[in-house]
């Protein structure tokens, strides 16, 4: 049986899903499709950014409620949620560490569990060093992304690229 870890950079996956008219990225359906026959998806990791609230009690409570609802929905779909708190920058903008947190969690888990493959739903070149390190350890990475949005260094590091739109078409067709 082939063993896989499914790692999801949620923000870009949800953007693709919304572009297609869906309200959210169907984690469980995509996980089930990845599993197929003779594949054990041993873990699903997903980053969830905790937004910075405005400095008032209503905004803080609303942010906490929204985060908790989304976290529970993702956990119900079989995912392990990696909390990624955003930080306010001096210029008023925000910085989030979701890519770094997903890289650390995925690499750590893969080196412990030694899957045959990691399926990485992401397109950012920041993931390329992780994918190269996984290859050095004999773990292949399939990248799930829109090919036209995929960073060239991530493409070079990947074992294969799967078009996320094809996957979502298959999932939508199954319902």
Protein backbone atom coordinates (compact mmCIF):
# COMPACT_ATOMS: atom_id res chain seq x y z
CA UNK A 1 0.00 0.00 0.00
CA UNK A 2 1.27 3.48 -0.91
CA UNK A 3 1.44 5.92 2.00
CA UNK A 4 0.90 9.65 1.49
CA UNK A 5 0.80 12.83 3.54
CA UNK A 6 -1.48 15.58 2.21
CA UNK A 7 -0.27 19.12 3.03
CA UNK A 8 -2.49 22.10 2.15
CA UNK A 9 -1.60 25.77 1.90
CA UNK A 10 -5.21 26.78 2.46
CA UNK A 11 -5.30 30.41 1.32
CA UNK A 12 -4.38 29.79 -2.35
CA UNK A 13 -6.54 26.65 -2.46
CA UNK A 14 -9.53 28.62 -1.26
CA UNK A 15 -8.82 31.34 -3.84
CA UNK A 16 -8.92 28.71 -6.61
CA UNK A 17 -12.13 27.27 -5.18
CA UNK A 18 -13.79 30.69 -4.99
CA UNK A 19 -12.66 31.42 -8.57
CA UNK A 20 -14.61 28.30 -9.52
CA UNK A 21 -17.72 29.43 -7.59
CA UNK A 22 -17.30 27.20 -4.53
CA UNK A 23 -17.40 28.71 -1.02
CA UNK A 24 -14.44 26.66 0.29
CA UNK A 25 -11.76 24.14 -0.68
CA UNK A 26 -13.26 20.62 -0.36
CA UNK A 27 -10.53 19.10 1.84
CA UNK A 28 -12.25 15.79 2.53
CA UNK A 29 -13.31 15.22 -1.09
CA UNK A 30 -9.81 15.94 -2.40
CA UNK A 31 -8.31 13.73 0.32
CA UNK A 32 -10.68 10.91 -0.67
CA UNK A 33 -9.69 11.32 -4.33
CA UNK A 34 -5.98 11.24 -3.45
CA UNK A 35 -6.55 8.07 -1.43
CA UNK A 36 -8.16 6.15 -4.27
CA UNK A 37 -7.32 2.45 -4.21
CA UNK A 38 -4.29 1.07 -2.39
CA UNK A 39 -3.31 4.48 -0.97
CA UNK A 40 -3.28 5.32 2.71
CA UNK A 41 -3.40 9.07 3.35
CA UNK A 42 -1.78 8.86 6.77
CA UNK A 43 -2.22 12.54 7.63
CA UNK A 44 -3.69 15.74 6.26
CA UNK A 45 -2.10 19.00 7.36
CA UNK A 46 -3.68 22.38 6.67
CA UNK A 47 -2.65 25.88 7.70
CA UNK A 48 -5.29 28.21 9.05
CA UNK A 49 -4.40 31.87 9.42
CA UNK A 50 -5.75 33.54 12.52
CA UNK A 51 -6.41 37.12 11.43
CA UNK A 52 -5.45 40.13 13.53
CA UNK A 53 -8.56 41.68 14.98
CA UNK A 54 -9.25 45.36 15.27
CA UNK A 55 -8.56 46.58 18.78
CA UNK A 56 -12.10 46.28 20.13
CA UNK A 57 -13.96 43.50 21.96
CA UNK A 58 -16.47 42.83 19.15
CA UNK A 59 -13.76 42.36 16.51
CA UNK A 60 -11.69 40.14 18.81
CA UNK A 61 -14.72 37.96 19.62
CA UNK A 62 -15.77 37.76 15.96
CA UNK A 63 -12.27 36.75 14.83
CA UNK A 64 -12.06 34.07 17.51
CA UNK A 65 -15.48 32.67 16.59
CA UNK A 66 -14.70 32.61 12.86
CA UNK A 67 -11.34 30.90 13.45
CA UNK A 68 -12.87 28.28 15.76
CA UNK A 69 -15.70 27.49 13.30
CA UNK A 70 -13.28 27.06 10.41
CA UNK A 71 -10.90 24.99 12.57
CA UNK A 72 -13.71 22.64 13.60
CA UNK A 73 -14.92 22.27 10.00
CA UNK A 74 -11.40 21.40 8.82
CA UNK A 75 -10.93 18.92 11.66
CA UNK A 76 -14.30 17.34 10.82
CA UNK A 77 -12.95 16.77 7.31
CA UNK A 78 -10.01 14.82 8.75
CA UNK A 79 -7.36 17.54 8.72
CA UNK A 80 -4.86 18.45 11.39
CA UNK A 81 -5.02 22.24 11.65
CA UNK A 82 -1.81 24.22 11.96
CA UNK A 83 -2.64 27.54 13.59
CA UNK A 84 -0.83 30.44 11.93
CA UNK A 85 -1.43 33.69 13.80
CA UNK A 86 -1.00 36.85 11.74
CA UNK A 87 0.91 39.79 13.17
CA UNK A 88 0.29 43.47 12.67
CA UNK A 89 3.19 45.34 11.06
CA UNK A 90 4.19 48.89 12.04
CA UNK A 91 2.84 50.20 8.70
CA UNK A 92 -0.63 48.79 9.52
CA UNK A 93 -0.31 45.76 7.22
CA UNK A 94 -0.15 42.13 8.29
CA UNK A 95 2.37 39.31 8.14
CA UNK A 96 1.46 35.67 8.38
CA UNK A 97 3.70 32.66 8.82
CA UNK A 98 1.49 29.98 7.32
CA UNK A 99 3.99 28.80 4.67
CA UNK A 100 6.79 28.43 7.20
CA UNK A 101 4.57 26.59 9.65
CA UNK A 102 3.34 24.19 6.95
CA UNK A 103 6.92 23.56 5.78
CA UNK A 104 8.11 22.73 9.31
CA UNK A 105 5.12 20.52 10.15
CA UNK A 106 5.23 18.66 6.82
CA UNK A 107 8.97 18.07 6.84
CA UNK A 108 8.95 16.97 10.48
CA UNK A 109 6.04 14.57 9.99
CA UNK A 110 7.41 13.16 6.73
CA UNK A 111 10.80 12.45 8.28
CA UNK A 112 9.11 10.64 11.19
CA UNK A 113 6.45 8.70 9.26
CA UNK A 114 8.39 8.12 6.01
CA UNK A 115 5.51 8.19 3.51
CA UNK A 116 6.09 7.25 -0.13
CA UNK A 117 4.68 10.61 -1.27
CA UNK A 118 3.74 14.02 0.00
CA UNK A 119 0.89 15.67 -1.91
CA UNK A 120 1.46 19.40 -1.53
CA UNK A 121 -1.42 21.72 -2.45
CA UNK A 122 0.60 24.90 -2.96
CA UNK A 123 2.27 26.91 -5.71
CA UNK A 124 4.71 29.14 -3.84
CA UNK A 125 8.43 28.78 -4.46
CA UNK A 126 9.01 28.98 -0.69
CA UNK A 127 8.13 25.26 -0.60
CA UNK A 128 10.90 24.24 -3.06
CA UNK A 129 13.66 23.73 -0.43
CA UNK A 130 11.35 21.43 1.54
CA UNK A 131 10.53 19.42 -1.58
CA UNK A 132 14.24 19.08 -2.43
CA UNK A 133 14.94 17.89 1.12
CA UNK A 134 12.13 15.34 0.88
CA UNK A 135 13.63 14.08 -2.40
CA UNK A 136 17.01 13.76 -0.70
CA UNK A 137 15.28 11.52 1.85
CA UNK A 138 13.61 9.40 -0.86
CA UNK A 139 10.15 10.91 -0.39
CA UNK A 140 8.51 12.07 -3.62
CA UNK A 141 6.28 15.15 -3.75
CA UNK A 142 3.29 15.60 -6.01
CA UNK A 143 2.35 19.27 -6.24
CA UNK A 144 -1.32 20.12 -6.63
CA UNK A 145 -1.58 23.59 -8.23
CA UNK A 146 -2.58 25.56 -11.28
CA UNK A 147 0.40 25.04 -13.62
CA UNK A 148 0.36 28.68 -14.74
CA UNK A 149 0.64 29.83 -11.11
CA UNK A 150 3.30 27.31 -10.07
CA UNK A 151 6.71 28.75 -9.15
CA UNK A 152 9.39 27.38 -11.48
CA UNK A 153 11.67 26.30 -8.63
CA UNK A 154 8.84 24.32 -7.03
CA UNK A 155 8.05 22.71 -10.40
CA UNK A 156 11.67 21.62 -10.79
CA UNK A 157 11.73 20.11 -7.31
CA UNK A 158 8.43 18.22 -7.64
CA UNK A 159 8.13 14.59 -8.69
CA UNK A 160 4.97 15.55 -10.58
CA UNK A 161 2.44 18.36 -10.90
CA UNK A 162 -1.30 17.75 -10.79
CA UNK A 163 -3.60 20.48 -12.08
CA UNK A 164 -5.83 21.54 -9.18
CA UNK A 165 -8.62 22.45 -11.60
CA UNK A 166 -8.65 18.87 -12.95
CA UNK A 167 -8.89 17.55 -9.39
CA UNK A 168 -11.72 19.94 -8.52
CA UNK A 169 -13.54 19.03 -11.76
CA UNK A 170 -13.34 15.36 -10.77
CA UNK A 171 -14.53 16.06 -7.24
CA UNK A 172 -17.41 18.25 -8.45
CA UNK A 173 -18.40 15.63 -11.04
CA UNK A 174 -18.62 12.97 -8.33
CA UNK A 175 -21.40 14.90 -6.54
